Amino acid sequence: MSETARKRAAYANGERKRAEIVDAALAVFAEKGFRRFSLRQLAEELGTTHVSLRYHFGTTAALLEAVLEERERRDRPWREQVLREKGLFDGVPEVIRRNAARRGVVHLDATLLAEGIAPDHPVHEFVRRREQRFHADVQELLELERDRGRLRAGLDPEVVARQLVALIEGLQAQWLYDENVDVSVHLSAFMNYLRA
């Protein structure tokens, strides 16, 4: 085997190992949170070594950011397709119904949304950027609905986007406390209010 082939194989193995760690860490962070683990404790929880985690990620915070980026990379294409095909009013409740099957992911999001407020939190900037992007995406979808004549007259898409983001995040937090809260039903009712 040539030196170049050995390097490619080592790189591929490293990327595969990194992906395995990210998948396992998502499950652990979703179930048990983030702040309670040192890198050494997390390695034990993931069934790998402290050296491997340090080599691939450096810190627990870097691993968390990799987990969040990977989840967004996987989820965003499906979410965009649903919203493109169904529009905002019918697409958002469908996205929320899918989230209901992934309680740990919703729990992780809610936890990081609260913890990430602290400027010294390792993912403060990541969460802040994600929230800005979420608001901008919702505003863009509302403007599209307005341009198609489907948004109730007189509503400001920027204001409604902020309200809708707050409603989604607030209802999901309530659902984490009480699974009888049907987030998609409440969101569908709000969407009906927004329709022209």
N, C-alpha and C. Protein backbone atom coordinates (compact mmCIF):
# COMPACT_ATOMS: atom_id res chain seq x y z
N MET A 1 0.85 -1.17 0.00
CA MET A 1 0.00 0.00 0.00
C MET A 1 0.90 1.24 0.00
N SER A 2 0.57 2.20 -0.84
CA SER A 2 1.39 3.40 -0.93
C SER A 2 1.16 4.29 0.29
N GLU A 3 2.05 5.23 0.48
CA GLU A 3 1.94 6.18 1.59
C GLU A 3 0.67 7.00 1.47
N THR A 4 0.34 7.42 0.25
CA THR A 4 -0.87 8.21 0.01
C THR A 4 -2.11 7.38 0.37
N ALA A 5 -2.14 6.12 -0.02
CA ALA A 5 -3.28 5.25 0.29
C ALA A 5 -3.40 5.04 1.80
N ARG A 6 -2.27 4.91 2.50
CA ARG A 6 -2.30 4.73 3.95
C ARG A 6 -2.87 6.00 4.62
N LYS A 7 -2.44 7.14 4.11
CA LYS A 7 -2.95 8.40 4.68
C LYS A 7 -4.45 8.55 4.46
N ARG A 8 -4.91 8.17 3.25
CA ARG A 8 -6.36 8.24 2.97
C ARG A 8 -7.14 7.30 3.88
N ALA A 9 -6.62 6.10 4.07
CA ALA A 9 -7.29 5.12 4.93
C ALA A 9 -7.33 5.62 6.38
N ALA A 10 -6.23 6.18 6.85
CA ALA A 10 -6.19 6.71 8.22
C ALA A 10 -7.17 7.86 8.37
N TYR A 11 -7.24 8.73 7.36
CA TYR A 11 -8.18 9.86 7.41
C TYR A 11 -9.63 9.36 7.44
N ALA A 12 -9.93 8.38 6.57
CA ALA A 12 -11.29 7.83 6.52
C ALA A 12 -11.65 7.18 7.86
N ASN A 13 -10.71 6.44 8.44
CA ASN A 13 -10.97 5.82 9.74
C ASN A 13 -11.18 6.88 10.82
N GLY A 14 -10.39 7.95 10.77
CA GLY A 14 -10.54 9.04 11.73
C GLY A 14 -11.89 9.72 11.60
N GLU A 15 -12.33 9.96 10.36
CA GLU A 15 -13.64 10.59 10.13
C GLU A 15 -14.77 9.67 10.60
N ARG A 16 -14.62 8.39 10.36
CA ARG A 16 -15.64 7.43 10.80
C ARG A 16 -15.73 7.41 12.32
N LYS A 17 -14.58 7.40 12.98
CA LYS A 17 -14.55 7.40 14.45
C LYS A 17 -15.16 8.69 14.99
N ARG A 18 -14.82 9.80 14.37
CA ARG A 18 -15.38 11.10 14.78
C ARG A 18 -16.90 11.09 14.66
N ALA A 19 -17.41 10.56 13.55
CA ALA A 19 -18.86 10.50 13.34
C ALA A 19 -19.53 9.60 14.38
N GLU A 20 -18.89 8.48 14.72
CA GLU A 20 -19.44 7.58 15.74
C GLU A 20 -19.52 8.28 17.09
N ILE A 21 -18.48 9.03 17.42
CA ILE A 21 -18.47 9.76 18.70
C ILE A 21 -19.57 10.81 18.72
N VAL A 22 -19.74 11.53 17.62
CA VAL A 22 -20.78 12.57 17.55
C VAL A 22 -22.16 11.95 17.74
N ASP A 23 -22.42 10.82 17.07
CA ASP A 23 -23.73 10.16 17.22
C ASP A 23 -23.97 9.73 18.67
N ALA A 24 -22.96 9.11 19.27
CA ALA A 24 -23.12 8.65 20.65
C ALA A 24 -23.27 9.83 21.61
N ALA A 25 -22.52 10.90 21.37
CA ALA A 25 -22.59 12.07 22.25
C ALA A 25 -23.95 12.75 22.17
N LEU A 26 -24.56 12.78 20.99
CA LEU A 26 -25.89 13.36 20.86
C LEU A 26 -26.87 12.64 21.79
N ALA A 27 -26.81 11.32 21.78
CA ALA A 27 -27.70 10.55 22.65
C ALA A 27 -27.44 10.83 24.12
N VAL A 28 -26.17 10.90 24.51
CA VAL A 28 -25.82 11.15 25.91
C VAL A 28 -26.22 12.56 26.33
N PHE A 29 -25.88 13.57 25.52
CA PHE A 29 -26.22 14.95 25.86
C PHE A 29 -27.74 15.13 25.93
N ALA A 30 -28.45 14.47 25.01
CA ALA A 30 -29.91 14.60 24.99
C ALA A 30 -30.53 13.99 26.25
N GLU A 31 -29.97 12.89 26.71
CA GLU A 31 -30.54 12.21 27.88
C GLU A 31 -30.06 12.81 29.20
N LYS A 32 -28.78 13.19 29.26
CA LYS A 32 -28.19 13.53 30.55
C LYS A 32 -27.67 14.96 30.66
N GLY A 33 -27.80 15.74 29.59
CA GLY A 33 -27.32 17.11 29.65
C GLY A 33 -25.84 17.21 29.28
N PHE A 34 -25.33 18.41 29.38
CA PHE A 34 -23.97 18.68 28.92
C PHE A 34 -23.03 19.04 30.06
N ARG A 35 -23.46 19.88 30.95
CA ARG A 35 -22.57 20.46 31.96
C ARG A 35 -22.04 19.46 32.98
N ARG A 36 -22.68 18.34 33.12
CA ARG A 36 -22.28 17.42 34.19
C ARG A 36 -21.05 16.59 33.86
N PHE A 37 -20.54 16.67 32.64
CA PHE A 37 -19.46 15.78 32.23
C PHE A 37 -18.13 16.50 32.04
N SER A 38 -17.08 15.90 32.57
CA SER A 38 -15.73 16.27 32.15
C SER A 38 -15.45 15.45 30.89
N LEU A 39 -14.38 15.76 30.22
CA LEU A 39 -14.03 15.00 29.02
C LEU A 39 -13.78 13.53 29.37
N ARG A 40 -13.14 13.30 30.50
CA ARG A 40 -12.85 11.93 30.93
C ARG A 40 -14.15 11.17 31.24
N GLN A 41 -15.07 11.82 31.95
CA GLN A 41 -16.36 11.17 32.27
C GLN A 41 -17.16 10.90 31.00
N LEU A 42 -17.11 11.85 30.09
CA LEU A 42 -17.85 11.70 28.84
C LEU A 42 -17.27 10.54 28.03
N ALA A 43 -15.96 10.42 27.99
CA ALA A 43 -15.33 9.31 27.28
C ALA A 43 -15.82 7.97 27.83
N GLU A 44 -15.88 7.88 29.15
CA GLU A 44 -16.37 6.65 29.77
C GLU A 44 -17.82 6.38 29.39
N GLU A 45 -18.63 7.43 29.41
CA GLU A 45 -20.05 7.31 29.06
C GLU A 45 -20.23 6.87 27.60
N LEU A 46 -19.33 7.32 26.73
CA LEU A 46 -19.43 7.01 25.30
C LEU A 46 -18.75 5.70 24.93
N GLY A 47 -18.04 5.11 25.88
CA GLY A 47 -17.36 3.86 25.60
C GLY A 47 -16.12 4.04 24.75
N THR A 48 -15.47 5.16 24.90
CA THR A 48 -14.23 5.41 24.18
C THR A 48 -13.18 5.89 25.18
N THR A 49 -12.06 6.35 24.69
CA THR A 49 -11.01 6.79 25.60
C THR A 49 -10.94 8.31 25.67
N HIS A 50 -10.42 8.77 26.78
CA HIS A 50 -10.20 10.20 26.98
C HIS A 50 -9.25 10.72 25.89
N VAL A 51 -8.24 9.94 25.55
CA VAL A 51 -7.26 10.33 24.53
C VAL A 51 -7.95 10.49 23.18
N SER A 52 -8.85 9.57 22.85
CA SER A 52 -9.57 9.65 21.57
C SER A 52 -10.43 10.91 21.49
N LEU A 53 -11.14 11.20 22.57
CA LEU A 53 -11.97 12.42 22.59
C LEU A 53 -11.11 13.67 22.45
N ARG A 54 -10.02 13.70 23.19
CA ARG A 54 -9.12 14.87 23.12
C ARG A 54 -8.53 15.00 21.71
N TYR A 55 -8.16 13.89 21.10
CA TYR A 55 -7.58 13.91 19.76
C TYR A 55 -8.58 14.44 18.73
N HIS A 56 -9.81 13.94 18.78
CA HIS A 56 -10.80 14.30 17.76
C HIS A 56 -11.47 15.65 18.01
N PHE A 57 -11.61 16.07 19.28
CA PHE A 57 -12.39 17.27 19.57
C PHE A 57 -11.67 18.29 20.46
N GLY A 58 -10.77 17.86 21.29
CA GLY A 58 -10.05 18.78 22.15
C GLY A 58 -10.74 19.03 23.48
N THR A 59 -11.99 19.46 23.43
CA THR A 59 -12.73 19.78 24.65
C THR A 59 -14.15 19.25 24.56
N THR A 60 -14.82 19.19 25.70
CA THR A 60 -16.22 18.79 25.73
C THR A 60 -17.07 19.80 24.96
N ALA A 61 -16.73 21.09 25.08
CA ALA A 61 -17.48 22.13 24.37
C ALA A 61 -17.36 21.97 22.86
N ALA A 62 -16.17 21.63 22.39
CA ALA A 62 -15.98 21.42 20.95
C ALA A 62 -16.79 20.22 20.47
N LEU A 63 -16.86 19.18 21.30
CA LEU A 63 -17.68 18.02 20.95
C LEU A 63 -19.15 18.42 20.90
N LEU A 64 -19.61 19.19 21.87
CA LEU A 64 -21.01 19.63 21.87
C LEU A 64 -21.32 20.43 20.61
N GLU A 65 -20.44 21.33 20.25
CA GLU A 65 -20.67 22.13 19.05
C GLU A 65 -20.71 21.23 17.81
N ALA A 66 -19.83 20.23 17.75
CA ALA A 66 -19.85 19.29 16.62
C ALA A 66 -21.17 18.52 16.57
N VAL A 67 -21.67 18.14 17.74
CA VAL A 67 -22.96 17.44 17.82
C VAL A 67 -24.07 18.34 17.28
N LEU A 68 -24.10 19.59 17.71
CA LEU A 68 -25.16 20.50 17.28
C LEU A 68 -25.07 20.80 15.78
N GLU A 69 -23.86 20.98 15.29
CA GLU A 69 -23.69 21.24 13.85
C GLU A 69 -24.10 20.03 13.02
N GLU A 70 -23.75 18.84 13.48
CA GLU A 70 -24.11 17.62 12.74
C GLU A 70 -25.63 17.42 12.74
N ARG A 71 -26.26 17.66 13.88
CA ARG A 71 -27.71 17.53 13.92
C ARG A 71 -28.38 18.51 12.97
N GLU A 72 -27.89 19.72 12.94
CA GLU A 72 -28.46 20.72 12.03
C GLU A 72 -28.21 20.33 10.57
N ARG A 73 -27.03 19.80 10.29
CA ARG A 73 -26.72 19.37 8.93
C ARG A 73 -27.67 18.26 8.48
N ARG A 74 -28.03 17.37 9.38
CA ARG A 74 -28.94 16.28 9.05
C ARG A 74 -30.39 16.74 8.96
N ASP A 75 -30.82 17.60 9.88
CA ASP A 75 -32.22 17.98 9.97
C ASP A 75 -32.64 19.05 8.97
N ARG A 76 -31.75 19.98 8.68
CA ARG A 76 -32.13 21.14 7.88
C ARG A 76 -32.68 20.78 6.49
N PRO A 77 -32.07 19.87 5.72
CA PRO A 77 -32.63 19.56 4.39
C PRO A 77 -34.07 19.05 4.45
N TRP A 78 -34.35 18.14 5.40
CA TRP A 78 -35.72 17.63 5.53
C TRP A 78 -36.68 18.76 5.91
N ARG A 79 -36.28 19.55 6.88
CA ARG A 79 -37.13 20.65 7.36
C ARG A 79 -37.40 21.65 6.22
N GLU A 80 -36.38 22.00 5.46
CA GLU A 80 -36.56 22.94 4.36
C GLU A 80 -37.47 22.37 3.28
N GLN A 81 -37.36 21.07 3.03
CA GLN A 81 -38.22 20.44 2.02
C GLN A 81 -39.68 20.48 2.47
N VAL A 82 -39.94 20.14 3.72
CA VAL A 82 -41.31 20.17 4.24
C VAL A 82 -41.89 21.58 4.14
N LEU A 83 -41.12 22.56 4.55
CA LEU A 83 -41.61 23.94 4.53
C LEU A 83 -41.78 24.46 3.11
N ARG A 84 -40.93 24.02 2.20
CA ARG A 84 -41.05 24.41 0.80
C ARG A 84 -42.31 23.80 0.18
N GLU A 85 -42.54 22.51 0.47
CA GLU A 85 -43.68 21.81 -0.13
C GLU A 85 -45.01 22.20 0.51
N LYS A 86 -45.03 22.37 1.82
CA LYS A 86 -46.29 22.59 2.52
C LYS A 86 -46.53 24.04 2.91
N GLY A 87 -45.48 24.86 2.84
CA GLY A 87 -45.60 26.23 3.29
C GLY A 87 -45.49 26.29 4.81
N LEU A 88 -45.41 27.49 5.31
CA LEU A 88 -45.21 27.70 6.75
C LEU A 88 -46.36 27.17 7.58
N PHE A 89 -47.58 27.49 7.17
CA PHE A 89 -48.75 27.20 8.01
C PHE A 89 -48.97 25.71 8.24
N ASP A 90 -48.72 24.89 7.24
CA ASP A 90 -48.90 23.44 7.39
C ASP A 90 -47.59 22.72 7.69
N GLY A 91 -46.47 23.34 7.32
CA GLY A 91 -45.17 22.70 7.50
C GLY A 91 -44.66 22.72 8.93
N VAL A 92 -44.84 23.85 9.62
CA VAL A 92 -44.32 23.94 11.00
C VAL A 92 -44.94 22.89 11.92
N PRO A 93 -46.27 22.70 11.90
CA PRO A 93 -46.81 21.64 12.76
C PRO A 93 -46.25 20.25 12.43
N GLU A 94 -45.95 20.00 11.15
CA GLU A 94 -45.36 18.70 10.80
C GLU A 94 -43.94 18.57 11.37
N VAL A 95 -43.17 19.64 11.30
CA VAL A 95 -41.82 19.62 11.88
C VAL A 95 -41.90 19.35 13.39
N ILE A 96 -42.86 19.98 14.04
CA ILE A 96 -43.02 19.81 15.49
C ILE A 96 -43.47 18.39 15.82
N ARG A 97 -44.34 17.81 15.01
CA ARG A 97 -44.74 16.41 15.25
C ARG A 97 -43.53 15.48 15.16
N ARG A 98 -42.62 15.75 14.23
CA ARG A 98 -41.41 14.93 14.12
C ARG A 98 -40.56 15.11 15.38
N ASN A 99 -40.45 16.35 15.86
CA ASN A 99 -39.67 16.60 17.07
C ASN A 99 -40.22 15.84 18.28
N ALA A 100 -41.54 15.65 18.32
CA ALA A 100 -42.16 14.96 19.45
C ALA A 100 -41.66 13.51 19.57
N ALA A 101 -41.17 12.96 18.48
CA ALA A 101 -40.64 11.59 18.52
C ALA A 101 -39.18 11.58 18.98
N ARG A 102 -38.62 12.77 19.22
CA ARG A 102 -37.21 12.87 19.61
C ARG A 102 -37.10 13.76 20.85
N ARG A 103 -37.69 13.27 21.92
CA ARG A 103 -37.75 14.05 23.17
C ARG A 103 -36.36 14.51 23.64
N GLY A 104 -35.38 13.64 23.54
CA GLY A 104 -34.05 13.99 24.00
C GLY A 104 -33.47 15.18 23.26
N VAL A 105 -33.73 15.26 21.97
CA VAL A 105 -33.23 16.37 21.16
C VAL A 105 -33.92 17.67 21.57
N VAL A 106 -35.24 17.61 21.79
CA VAL A 106 -35.98 18.79 22.23
C VAL A 106 -35.47 19.23 23.61
N HIS A 107 -35.21 18.26 24.47
CA HIS A 107 -34.70 18.56 25.81
C HIS A 107 -33.33 19.23 25.73
N LEU A 108 -32.46 18.71 24.88
CA LEU A 108 -31.14 19.31 24.71
C LEU A 108 -31.27 20.75 24.20
N ASP A 109 -32.13 20.97 23.21
CA ASP A 109 -32.33 22.32 22.68
C ASP A 109 -32.81 23.28 23.77
N ALA A 110 -33.79 22.84 24.54
CA ALA A 110 -34.34 23.71 25.59
C ALA A 110 -33.29 24.01 26.65
N THR A 111 -32.52 23.02 27.01
CA THR A 111 -31.47 23.21 28.02
C THR A 111 -30.41 24.19 27.53
N LEU A 112 -29.97 23.99 26.30
CA LEU A 112 -28.94 24.86 25.76
C LEU A 112 -29.45 26.28 25.53
N LEU A 113 -30.72 26.39 25.17
CA LEU A 113 -31.31 27.72 24.99
C LEU A 113 -31.25 28.50 26.30
N ALA A 114 -31.52 27.82 27.41
CA ALA A 114 -31.47 28.49 28.71
C ALA A 114 -30.02 28.69 29.17
N GLU A 115 -29.21 27.63 29.13
CA GLU A 115 -27.83 27.73 29.61
C GLU A 115 -26.99 28.66 28.73
N GLY A 116 -27.28 28.64 27.44
CA GLY A 116 -26.48 29.41 26.48
C GLY A 116 -26.61 30.91 26.62
N ILE A 117 -27.55 31.36 27.42
CA ILE A 117 -27.70 32.80 27.66
C ILE A 117 -26.43 33.36 28.29
N ALA A 118 -25.81 32.57 29.16
CA ALA A 118 -24.60 33.02 29.85
C ALA A 118 -23.48 33.23 28.84
N PRO A 119 -22.90 34.42 28.80
CA PRO A 119 -21.84 34.70 27.81
C PRO A 119 -20.64 33.78 27.92
N ASP A 120 -20.41 33.18 29.09
CA ASP A 120 -19.26 32.30 29.25
C ASP A 120 -19.58 30.83 28.93
N HIS A 121 -20.83 30.55 28.55
CA HIS A 121 -21.18 29.18 28.21
C HIS A 121 -20.45 28.79 26.92
N PRO A 122 -19.95 27.57 26.85
CA PRO A 122 -19.16 27.17 25.67
C PRO A 122 -19.89 27.29 24.34
N VAL A 123 -21.22 27.20 24.33
CA VAL A 123 -21.94 27.30 23.05
C VAL A 123 -22.79 28.57 22.97
N HIS A 124 -22.46 29.56 23.78
CA HIS A 124 -23.22 30.82 23.76
C HIS A 124 -23.34 31.39 22.35
N GLU A 125 -22.22 31.52 21.66
CA GLU A 125 -22.25 32.11 20.32
C GLU A 125 -22.98 31.22 19.33
N PHE A 126 -22.80 29.91 19.44
CA PHE A 126 -23.49 28.98 18.55
C PHE A 126 -25.00 29.11 18.72
N VAL A 127 -25.48 29.12 19.95
CA VAL A 127 -26.92 29.21 20.22
C VAL A 127 -27.44 30.58 19.76
N ARG A 128 -26.68 31.63 20.03
CA ARG A 128 -27.10 32.96 19.60
C ARG A 128 -27.25 33.02 18.08
N ARG A 129 -26.29 32.48 17.35
CA ARG A 129 -26.37 32.45 15.87
C ARG A 129 -27.54 31.59 15.41
N ARG A 130 -27.76 30.46 16.09
CA ARG A 130 -28.86 29.58 15.70
C ARG A 130 -30.21 30.27 15.90
N GLU A 131 -30.34 30.99 17.01
CA GLU A 131 -31.59 31.72 17.27
C GLU A 131 -31.81 32.82 16.23
N GLN A 132 -30.76 33.53 15.86
CA GLN A 132 -30.88 34.57 14.84
C GLN A 132 -31.29 33.96 13.50
N ARG A 133 -30.68 32.82 13.16
CA ARG A 133 -31.02 32.15 11.90
C ARG A 133 -32.46 31.64 11.92
N PHE A 134 -32.88 31.09 13.05
CA PHE A 134 -34.25 30.60 13.20
C PHE A 134 -35.24 31.74 12.96
N HIS A 135 -35.02 32.86 13.62
CA HIS A 135 -35.91 34.02 13.45
C HIS A 135 -35.90 34.49 12.00
N ALA A 136 -34.72 34.59 11.39
CA ALA A 136 -34.62 35.05 10.00
C ALA A 136 -35.33 34.08 9.05
N ASP A 137 -35.19 32.78 9.27
CA ASP A 137 -35.86 31.79 8.42
C ASP A 137 -37.37 31.91 8.53
N VAL A 138 -37.87 32.05 9.76
CA VAL A 138 -39.32 32.17 9.96
C VAL A 138 -39.83 33.46 9.33
N GLN A 139 -39.08 34.54 9.50
CA GLN A 139 -39.50 35.81 8.90
C GLN A 139 -39.55 35.69 7.37
N GLU A 140 -38.56 35.05 6.80
CA GLU A 140 -38.54 34.86 5.34
C GLU A 140 -39.75 34.04 4.87
N LEU A 141 -40.09 33.00 5.62
CA LEU A 141 -41.26 32.19 5.26
C LEU A 141 -42.55 32.99 5.40
N LEU A 142 -42.63 33.82 6.42
CA LEU A 142 -43.82 34.68 6.58
C LEU A 142 -43.93 35.68 5.44
N GLU A 143 -42.81 36.25 5.02
CA GLU A 143 -42.82 37.18 3.89
C GLU A 143 -43.27 36.48 2.61
N LEU A 144 -42.84 35.23 2.44
CA LEU A 144 -43.27 34.44 1.29
C LEU A 144 -44.78 34.21 1.34
N GLU A 145 -45.30 33.87 2.52
CA GLU A 145 -46.75 33.68 2.67
C GLU A 145 -47.49 35.00 2.38
N ARG A 146 -46.93 36.11 2.85
CA ARG A 146 -47.54 37.41 2.58
C ARG A 146 -47.57 37.70 1.08
N ASP A 147 -46.43 37.45 0.41
CA ASP A 147 -46.34 37.72 -1.03
C ASP A 147 -47.28 36.84 -1.84
N ARG A 148 -47.62 35.68 -1.32
CA ARG A 148 -48.57 34.77 -1.99
C ARG A 148 -50.02 35.08 -1.61
N GLY A 149 -50.18 36.10 -0.74
CA GLY A 149 -51.53 36.49 -0.34
C GLY A 149 -52.15 35.58 0.71
N ARG A 150 -51.31 34.81 1.41
CA ARG A 150 -51.85 33.85 2.39
C ARG A 150 -51.69 34.30 3.83
N LEU A 151 -50.98 35.43 4.07
CA LEU A 151 -50.83 35.95 5.43
C LEU A 151 -51.89 37.01 5.68
N ARG A 152 -52.50 36.96 6.84
CA ARG A 152 -53.52 37.95 7.20
C ARG A 152 -52.99 39.36 7.00
N ALA A 153 -53.79 40.20 6.43
CA ALA A 153 -53.39 41.59 6.14
C ALA A 153 -53.06 42.33 7.43
N GLY A 154 -52.08 43.20 7.34
CA GLY A 154 -51.73 44.07 8.46
C GLY A 154 -50.74 43.48 9.45
N LEU A 155 -50.31 42.24 9.24
CA LEU A 155 -49.34 41.64 10.16
C LEU A 155 -47.92 41.93 9.68
N ASP A 156 -47.07 42.28 10.60
CA ASP A 156 -45.66 42.56 10.31
C ASP A 156 -44.88 41.25 10.43
N PRO A 157 -44.32 40.73 9.34
CA PRO A 157 -43.60 39.45 9.39
C PRO A 157 -42.48 39.41 10.42
N GLU A 158 -41.80 40.53 10.65
CA GLU A 158 -40.71 40.54 11.63
C GLU A 158 -41.24 40.31 13.05
N VAL A 159 -42.35 40.99 13.37
CA VAL A 159 -42.96 40.85 14.70
C VAL A 159 -43.55 39.46 14.87
N VAL A 160 -44.26 38.99 13.85
CA VAL A 160 -44.90 37.67 13.93
C VAL A 160 -43.84 36.57 14.00
N ALA A 161 -42.72 36.75 13.31
CA ALA A 161 -41.64 35.75 13.37
C ALA A 161 -41.14 35.61 14.80
N ARG A 162 -40.95 36.73 15.48
CA ARG A 162 -40.48 36.69 16.87
C ARG A 162 -41.52 35.98 17.74
N GLN A 163 -42.80 36.27 17.52
CA GLN A 163 -43.87 35.63 18.30
C GLN A 163 -43.91 34.13 18.04
N LEU A 164 -43.76 33.75 16.79
CA LEU A 164 -43.85 32.34 16.44
C LEU A 164 -42.66 31.55 17.00
N VAL A 165 -41.48 32.11 16.93
CA VAL A 165 -40.31 31.45 17.51
C VAL A 165 -40.51 31.26 19.02
N ALA A 166 -40.98 32.33 19.68
CA ALA A 166 -41.21 32.24 21.13
C ALA A 166 -42.29 31.20 21.45
N LEU A 167 -43.32 31.13 20.62
CA LEU A 167 -44.40 30.16 20.84
C LEU A 167 -43.88 28.73 20.69
N ILE A 168 -43.11 28.49 19.64
CA ILE A 168 -42.56 27.15 19.42
C ILE A 168 -41.68 26.73 20.59
N GLU A 169 -40.74 27.60 20.96
CA GLU A 169 -39.81 27.24 22.03
C GLU A 169 -40.52 27.12 23.38
N GLY A 170 -41.48 28.00 23.63
CA GLY A 170 -42.23 27.94 24.89
C GLY A 170 -43.11 26.71 24.99
N LEU A 171 -43.81 26.39 23.92
CA LEU A 171 -44.66 25.20 23.93
C LEU A 171 -43.84 23.92 24.07
N GLN A 172 -42.70 23.88 23.42
CA GLN A 172 -41.86 22.69 23.55
C GLN A 172 -41.36 22.54 24.99
N ALA A 173 -41.03 23.64 25.64
CA ALA A 173 -40.62 23.57 27.05
C ALA A 173 -41.78 23.07 27.90
N GLN A 174 -42.99 23.55 27.65
CA GLN A 174 -44.16 23.07 28.40
C GLN A 174 -44.37 21.58 28.16
N TRP A 175 -44.18 21.13 26.91
CA TRP A 175 -44.33 19.71 26.59
C TRP A 175 -43.32 18.85 27.33
N LEU A 176 -42.12 19.38 27.55
CA LEU A 176 -41.12 18.63 28.30
C LEU A 176 -41.58 18.38 29.74
N TYR A 177 -42.36 19.31 30.30
CA TYR A 177 -42.92 19.13 31.64
C TYR A 177 -44.17 18.26 31.63
N ASP A 178 -44.94 18.35 30.55
CA ASP A 178 -46.22 17.65 30.49
C ASP A 178 -46.46 17.20 29.05
N GLU A 179 -46.26 15.92 28.78
CA GLU A 179 -46.40 15.41 27.42
C GLU A 179 -47.84 15.43 26.91
N ASN A 180 -48.79 15.79 27.76
CA ASN A 180 -50.17 15.96 27.29
C ASN A 180 -50.36 17.25 26.51
N VAL A 181 -49.38 18.16 26.59
CA VAL A 181 -49.43 19.39 25.81
C VAL A 181 -49.13 19.01 24.36
N ASP A 182 -50.13 19.17 23.48
CA ASP A 182 -49.95 18.84 22.07
C ASP A 182 -49.48 20.10 21.34
N VAL A 183 -48.18 20.20 21.19
CA VAL A 183 -47.58 21.40 20.62
C VAL A 183 -48.10 21.65 19.22
N SER A 184 -48.23 20.62 18.41
CA SER A 184 -48.66 20.82 17.02
C SER A 184 -50.09 21.35 16.95
N VAL A 185 -50.96 20.93 17.87
CA VAL A 185 -52.34 21.44 17.89
C VAL A 185 -52.35 22.94 18.19
N HIS A 186 -51.57 23.35 19.19
CA HIS A 186 -51.51 24.77 19.54
C HIS A 186 -50.89 25.59 18.42
N LEU A 187 -49.87 25.05 17.78
CA LEU A 187 -49.25 25.77 16.66
C LEU A 187 -50.20 25.87 15.47
N SER A 188 -50.94 24.80 15.19
CA SER A 188 -51.90 24.83 14.09
C SER A 188 -52.96 25.91 14.34
N ALA A 189 -53.40 26.04 15.59
CA ALA A 189 -54.39 27.07 15.93
C ALA A 189 -53.81 28.45 15.69
N PHE A 190 -52.56 28.67 16.07
CA PHE A 190 -51.93 29.97 15.83
C PHE A 190 -51.76 30.21 14.34
N MET A 191 -51.40 29.18 13.58
CA MET A 191 -51.25 29.32 12.13
C MET A 191 -52.58 29.72 11.49
N ASN A 192 -53.67 29.15 12.00
CA ASN A 192 -54.98 29.52 11.45
C ASN A 192 -55.29 31.00 11.70
N TYR A 193 -54.83 31.51 12.83
CA TYR A 193 -54.99 32.93 13.11
C TYR A 193 -54.21 33.78 12.11
N LEU A 194 -53.04 33.29 11.69
CA LEU A 194 -52.20 34.05 10.78
C LEU A 194 -52.67 34.01 9.32
N ARG A 195 -53.47 33.01 8.98
CA ARG A 195 -53.88 32.86 7.58
C ARG A 195 -54.79 33.99 7.13
N ALA A 196 -54.64 34.35 5.87
CA ALA A 196 -55.53 35.37 5.30
C ALA A 196 -56.96 34.83 5.26
